[in-house]
Each structure stands twice: as C-alpha cells, then as structure tokens.
PDB file of N, CA and C in Angstrom:
ATOM      1  N   MET A   1     -57.219 -21.022  25.041  1.00  0.00           N
ATOM      2  CA  MET A   1     -55.596 -20.108  23.957  1.00  0.00           C
ATOM      3  C   MET A   1     -55.888 -20.071  23.084  1.00  0.00           C
ATOM      4  N   SER A   2     -55.231 -18.454  22.787  1.00  0.00           N
ATOM      5  CA  SER A   2     -55.453 -17.261  21.445  1.00  0.00           C
ATOM      6  C   SER A   2     -54.587 -18.193  20.338  1.00  0.00           C
ATOM      7  N   VAL A   3     -55.544 -17.398  19.257  1.00  0.00           N
ATOM      8  CA  VAL A   3     -54.670 -17.839  18.019  1.00  0.00           C
ATOM      9  C   VAL A   3     -53.198 -17.543  18.124  1.00  0.00           C
ATOM     10  N   HIS A   4     -52.594 -16.358  18.875  1.00  0.00           N
ATOM     11  CA  HIS A   4     -51.016 -15.964  18.730  1.00  0.00           C
ATOM     12  C   HIS A   4     -50.323 -16.623  19.953  1.00  0.00           C
ATOM     13  N   GLN A   5     -51.032 -17.453  20.045  1.00  0.00           N
ATOM     14  CA  GLN A   5     -50.480 -18.240  20.959  1.00  0.00           C
ATOM     15  C   GLN A   5     -50.018 -19.570  20.622  1.00  0.00           C
ATOM     16  N   LEU A   6     -51.507 -20.128  19.885  1.00  0.00           N
ATOM     17  CA  LEU A   6     -50.898 -21.097  18.642  1.00  0.00           C
ATOM     18  C   LEU A   6     -49.982 -20.981  17.220  1.00  0.00           C
ATOM     19  N   LEU A   7     -49.636 -19.565  17.264  1.00  0.00           N
ATOM     20  CA  LEU A   7     -48.772 -19.160  15.897  1.00  0.00           C
ATOM     21  C   LEU A   7     -47.505 -19.051  16.728  1.00  0.00           C
ATOM     22  N   ALA A   8     -47.621 -19.369  17.879  1.00  0.00           N
ATOM     23  CA  ALA A   8     -46.151 -18.889  18.235  1.00  0.00           C
ATOM     24  C   ALA A   8     -45.294 -19.377  17.736  1.00  0.00           C
ATOM     25  N   VAL A   9     -43.991 -19.713  17.240  1.00  0.00           N
ATOM     26  CA  VAL A   9     -42.883 -20.478  16.982  1.00  0.00           C
ATOM     27  C   VAL A   9     -41.472 -19.397  17.511  1.00  0.00           C
ATOM     28  N   GLY A  10     -41.008 -20.428  18.357  1.00  0.00           N
ATOM     29  CA  GLY A  10     -39.544 -19.649  19.089  1.00  0.00           C
ATOM     30  C   GLY A  10     -38.638 -20.088  18.009  1.00  0.00           C
ATOM     31  N   LEU A  11     -37.895 -19.246  17.537  1.00  0.00           N
ATOM     32  CA  LEU A  11     -36.861 -18.720  17.069  1.00  0.00           C
ATOM     33  C   LEU A  11     -35.340 -18.510  17.547  1.00  0.00           C
ATOM     34  N   ASP A  12     -35.388 -18.884  18.707  1.00  0.00           N
ATOM     35  CA  ASP A  12     -34.406 -19.039  19.471  1.00  0.00           C
ATOM     36  C   ASP A  12     -33.300 -20.461  19.489  1.00  0.00           C
ATOM     37  N   GLY A  13     -34.230 -20.993  19.275  1.00  0.00           N
ATOM     38  CA  GLY A  13     -33.673 -23.492  18.987  1.00  0.00           C
ATOM     39  C   GLY A  13     -32.316 -22.913  17.986  1.00  0.00           C
ATOM     40  N   PRO A  14     -31.807 -24.368  17.920  1.00  0.00           N
ATOM     41  CA  PRO A  14     -30.877 -24.482  16.722  1.00  0.00           C
ATOM     42  C   PRO A  14     -32.205 -24.598  15.520  1.00  0.00           C
ATOM     43  N   ALA A  15     -31.926 -24.886  14.346  1.00  0.00           N
ATOM     44  CA  ALA A  15     -32.345 -25.283  13.327  1.00  0.00           C
ATOM     45  C   ALA A  15     -32.213 -26.697  13.014  1.00  0.00           C
ATOM     46  N   HIS A  16     -33.194 -27.365  12.416  1.00  0.00           N
ATOM     47  CA  HIS A  16     -32.943 -28.671  11.958  1.00  0.00           C
ATOM     48  C   HIS A  16     -32.149 -29.021  10.754  1.00  0.00           C
ATOM     49  N   TYR A  17     -31.175 -30.069  10.304  1.00  0.00           N
ATOM     50  CA  TYR A  17     -30.693 -30.096   9.287  1.00  0.00           C
ATOM     51  C   TYR A  17     -30.539 -31.226   8.717  1.00  0.00           C
ATOM     52  N   PHE A  18     -30.845 -31.565   7.044  1.00  0.00           N
ATOM     53  CA  PHE A  18     -30.350 -32.703   6.994  1.00  0.00           C
ATOM     54  C   PHE A  18     -29.397 -32.419   6.155  1.00  0.00           C
ATOM     55  N   THR A  19     -29.351 -34.475   6.091  1.00  0.00           N
ATOM     56  CA  THR A  19     -27.250 -34.722   4.708  1.00  0.00           C
ATOM     57  C   THR A  19     -27.506 -35.743   4.824  1.00  0.00           C
ATOM     58  N   TRP A  20     -27.526 -34.992   2.922  1.00  0.00           N
ATOM     59  CA  TRP A  20     -26.935 -36.477   2.116  1.00  0.00           C
ATOM     60  C   TRP A  20     -25.458 -35.909   1.694  1.00  0.00           C
ATOM     61  N   GLY A  21     -24.822 -36.501   2.326  1.00  0.00           N
ATOM     62  CA  GLY A  21     -23.012 -36.699   1.739  1.00  0.00           C
ATOM     63  C   GLY A  21     -22.888 -34.937   1.780  1.00  0.00           C
ATOM     64  N   PRO A  22     -22.215 -34.678   0.563  1.00  0.00           N
ATOM     65  CA  PRO A  22     -21.551 -33.395   1.130  1.00  0.00           C
ATOM     66  C   PRO A  22     -23.099 -32.582   0.935  1.00  0.00           C
ATOM     67  N   ILE A  23     -24.070 -32.489   1.026  1.00  0.00           N
ATOM     68  CA  ILE A  23     -25.310 -31.657   1.091  1.00  0.00           C
ATOM     69  C   ILE A  23     -26.084 -31.815   1.994  1.00  0.00           C
ATOM     70  N   GLN A  24     -25.505 -30.553   2.395  1.00  0.00           N
ATOM     71  CA  GLN A  24     -26.444 -29.755   4.260  1.00  0.00           C
ATOM     72  C   GLN A  24     -27.773 -28.611   3.723  1.00  0.00           C
ATOM     73  N   ILE A  25     -28.574 -28.829   4.572  1.00  0.00           N
ATOM     74  CA  ILE A  25     -29.648 -28.249   4.169  1.00  0.00           C
ATOM     75  C   ILE A  25     -30.756 -28.021   5.414  1.00  0.00           C
ATOM     76  N   SER A  26     -31.501 -26.907   5.501  1.00  0.00           N
ATOM     77  CA  SER A  26     -32.383 -26.705   6.832  1.00  0.00           C
ATOM     78  C   SER A  26     -33.492 -26.942   6.582  1.00  0.00           C
ATOM     79  N   LEU A  27     -34.291 -27.403   7.060  1.00  0.00           N
ATOM     80  CA  LEU A  27     -35.480 -28.322   7.374  1.00  0.00           C
ATOM     81  C   LEU A  27     -36.610 -26.986   6.335  1.00  0.00           C
ATOM     82  N   ALA A  28     -36.036 -25.405   7.355  1.00  0.00           N
ATOM     83  CA  ALA A  28     -36.888 -24.340   6.722  1.00  0.00           C
ATOM     84  C   ALA A  28     -36.945 -24.535   5.149  1.00  0.00           C
ATOM     85  N   ASN A  29     -35.063 -24.110   4.630  1.00  0.00           N
ATOM     86  CA  ASN A  29     -35.470 -24.430   3.113  1.00  0.00           C
ATOM     87  C   ASN A  29     -35.549 -24.838   2.544  1.00  0.00           C
ATOM     88  N   LEU A  30     -35.724 -26.330   3.050  1.00  0.00           N
ATOM     89  CA  LEU A  30     -36.235 -27.826   2.012  1.00  0.00           C
ATOM     90  C   LEU A  30     -37.391 -27.697   2.267  1.00  0.00           C
ATOM     91  N   VAL A  31     -38.829 -27.032   2.556  1.00  0.00           N
ATOM     92  CA  VAL A  31     -40.053 -26.987   2.519  1.00  0.00           C
ATOM     93  C   VAL A  31     -39.933 -26.097   1.743  1.00  0.00           C
ATOM     94  N   VAL A  32     -39.572 -24.639   1.426  1.00  0.00           N
ATOM     95  CA  VAL A  32     -39.488 -23.710   0.407  1.00  0.00           C
ATOM     96  C   VAL A  32     -39.689 -23.741  -1.050  1.00  0.00           C
ATOM     97  N   ILE A  33     -38.485 -24.190  -0.892  1.00  0.00           N
ATOM     98  CA  ILE A  33     -38.417 -25.191  -2.108  1.00  0.00           C
ATOM     99  C   ILE A  33     -39.101 -26.073  -2.741  1.00  0.00           C
ATOM    100  N   ALA A  34     -39.288 -27.039  -1.760  1.00  0.00           N
ATOM    101  CA  ALA A  34     -40.476 -27.891  -2.192  1.00  0.00           C
ATOM    102  C   ALA A  34     -41.794 -26.863  -2.449  1.00  0.00           C
ATOM    103  N   ILE A  35     -42.268 -25.804  -1.859  1.00  0.00           N
ATOM    104  CA  ILE A  35     -43.300 -24.914  -2.154  1.00  0.00           C
ATOM    105  C   ILE A  35     -43.419 -24.503  -3.690  1.00  0.00           C
ATOM    106  N   ILE A  36     -42.016 -24.006  -3.945  1.00  0.00           N
ATOM    107  CA  ILE A  36     -41.578 -23.208  -4.660  1.00  0.00           C
ATOM    108  C   ILE A  36     -41.843 -24.450  -5.987  1.00  0.00           C
ATOM    109  N   VAL A  37     -41.136 -25.307  -6.285  1.00  0.00           N
ATOM    110  CA  VAL A  37     -41.316 -26.834  -7.113  1.00  0.00           C
ATOM    111  C   VAL A  37     -42.549 -27.104  -7.222  1.00  0.00           C
ATOM    112  N   ILE A  38     -43.599 -26.823  -6.292  1.00  0.00           N
ATOM    113  CA  ILE A  38     -45.146 -27.159  -6.434  1.00  0.00           C
ATOM    114  C   ILE A  38     -45.559 -26.213  -7.112  1.00  0.00           C
ATOM    115  N   LEU A  39     -45.635 -25.590  -7.104  1.00  0.00           N
ATOM    116  CA  LEU A  39     -46.321 -24.130  -7.687  1.00  0.00           C
ATOM    117  C   LEU A  39     -46.121 -24.109  -9.121  1.00  0.00           C
ATOM    118  N   PHE A  40     -44.346 -24.605  -9.477  1.00  0.00           N
ATOM    119  CA  PHE A  40     -43.828 -25.091 -10.932  1.00  0.00           C
ATOM    120  C   PHE A  40     -44.252 -25.855 -11.277  1.00  0.00           C
ATOM    121  N   VAL A  41     -44.560 -26.416 -10.717  1.00  0.00           N
ATOM    122  CA  VAL A  41     -45.469 -27.431 -11.618  1.00  0.00           C
ATOM    123  C   VAL A  41     -46.924 -27.226 -11.844  1.00  0.00           C
ATOM    124  N   LEU A  42     -47.490 -26.623 -11.195  1.00  0.00           N
ATOM    125  CA  LEU A  42     -48.837 -26.539 -11.123  1.00  0.00           C
ATOM    126  C   LEU A  42     -48.960 -25.136 -12.109  1.00  0.00           C
ATOM    127  N   ALA A  43     -48.192 -24.051 -12.340  1.00  0.00           N
ATOM    128  CA  ALA A  43     -48.094 -23.667 -13.586  1.00  0.00           C
ATOM    129  C   ALA A  43     -48.240 -23.973 -14.834  1.00  0.00           C
ATOM    130  N   ILE A  44     -47.108 -24.885 -14.721  1.00  0.00           N
ATOM    131  CA  ILE A  44     -47.184 -25.752 -15.742  1.00  0.00           C
ATOM    132  C   ILE A  44     -48.063 -26.543 -16.158  1.00  0.00           C
ATOM    133  N   VAL A  45     -48.704 -27.145 -15.575  1.00  0.00           N
ATOM    134  CA  VAL A  45     -50.165 -28.138 -15.735  1.00  0.00           C
ATOM    135  C   VAL A  45     -51.074 -27.785 -15.555  1.00  0.00           C
ATOM    136  N   LEU A  46     -51.524 -26.914 -14.736  1.00  0.00           N
ATOM    137  CA  LEU A  46     -52.885 -26.176 -15.132  1.00  0.00           C
ATOM    138  C   LEU A  46     -53.332 -25.562 -16.523  1.00  0.00           C
ATOM    139  N   PRO A  47     -54.329 -25.738 -16.916  1.00  0.00           N
ATOM    140  CA  PRO A  47     -54.773 -24.801 -18.385  1.00  0.00           C
ATOM    141  C   PRO A  47     -54.497 -23.620 -18.007  1.00  0.00           C
ATOM    142  N   PHE A  48     -54.652 -22.308 -19.197  1.00  0.00           N
ATOM    143  CA  PHE A  48     -55.136 -21.448 -19.347  1.00  0.00           C
ATOM    144  C   PHE A  48     -55.853 -21.252 -19.034  1.00  0.00           C
ATOM    145  N   PRO A  49     -56.998 -20.347 -18.303  1.00  0.00           N
ATOM    146  CA  PRO A  49     -58.074 -19.655 -18.858  1.00  0.00           C
ATOM    147  C   PRO A  49     -59.052 -19.466 -20.316  1.00  0.00           C
ATOM    148  N   LYS A  50     -59.145 -20.181 -20.848  1.00  0.00           N
ATOM    149  CA  LYS A  50     -60.185 -19.632 -22.602  1.00  0.00           C
ATOM    150  C   LYS A  50     -61.326 -19.290 -22.556  1.00  0.00           C
ATOM    151  N   SER A  51     -60.923 -18.287 -23.463  1.00  0.00           N
ATOM    152  CA  SER A  51     -62.594 -17.645 -24.056  1.00  0.00           C
ATOM    153  C   SER A  51     -63.437 -18.565 -24.504  1.00  0.00           C
ATOM    154  N   LYS A  52     -65.068 -18.868 -24.249  1.00  0.00           N
ATOM    155  CA  LYS A  52     -65.830 -19.624 -25.035  1.00  0.00           C
ATOM    156  C   LYS A  52     -66.438 -19.136 -25.928  1.00  0.00           C
ATOM    157  N   SER A  53     -66.499 -18.159 -26.021  1.00  0.00           N
ATOM    158  CA  SER A  53     -66.564 -17.796 -27.415  1.00  0.00           C
ATOM    159  C   SER A  53     -65.483 -17.443 -28.246  1.00  0.00           C
ATOM    160  N   ARG A  54     -65.894 -18.048 -29.535  1.00  0.00           N
ATOM    161  CA  ARG A  54     -63.929 -18.236 -31.304  1.00  0.00           C
ATOM    162  C   ARG A  54     -65.247 -17.509 -32.093  1.00  0.00           C
ATOM    163  N   PRO A  55     -64.503 -17.039 -32.719  1.00  0.00           N
ATOM    164  CA  PRO A  55     -64.568 -16.263 -33.927  1.00  0.00           C
ATOM    165  C   PRO A  55     -64.842 -16.958 -35.584  1.00  0.00           C
TER     166      PRO A  55
END
C-alpha cells in the first residue's frame, strides 16, 4: 500500500455534523476551531525566548 493510498480521502460523501440545540457545526470545522484554540493557548502560555546575557 502506497502513501497516496493511505492519505486518499473521499470527499464525495456527506459531511458529519454535530448539533447542540440551535447550533450545528461540521466535524471538519470543529477540528479547525479546536486547533486554532490550542495554538492560541500555547502562544499565551509558552514563554518568549529570553537572552541569557543581561546588562
């Protein structure tokens, strides 16, 4: 089995949706939003690099 066959994704099927009351979101959008939130939190939590020599 080649890499191209492992990474092949069929996009002709219906999307998967989650529904919470009046809110409906696709799984793909939910994953993208989760990644953005994780990156935002990491950007706030991780310290900036500091120089070791201070005057």
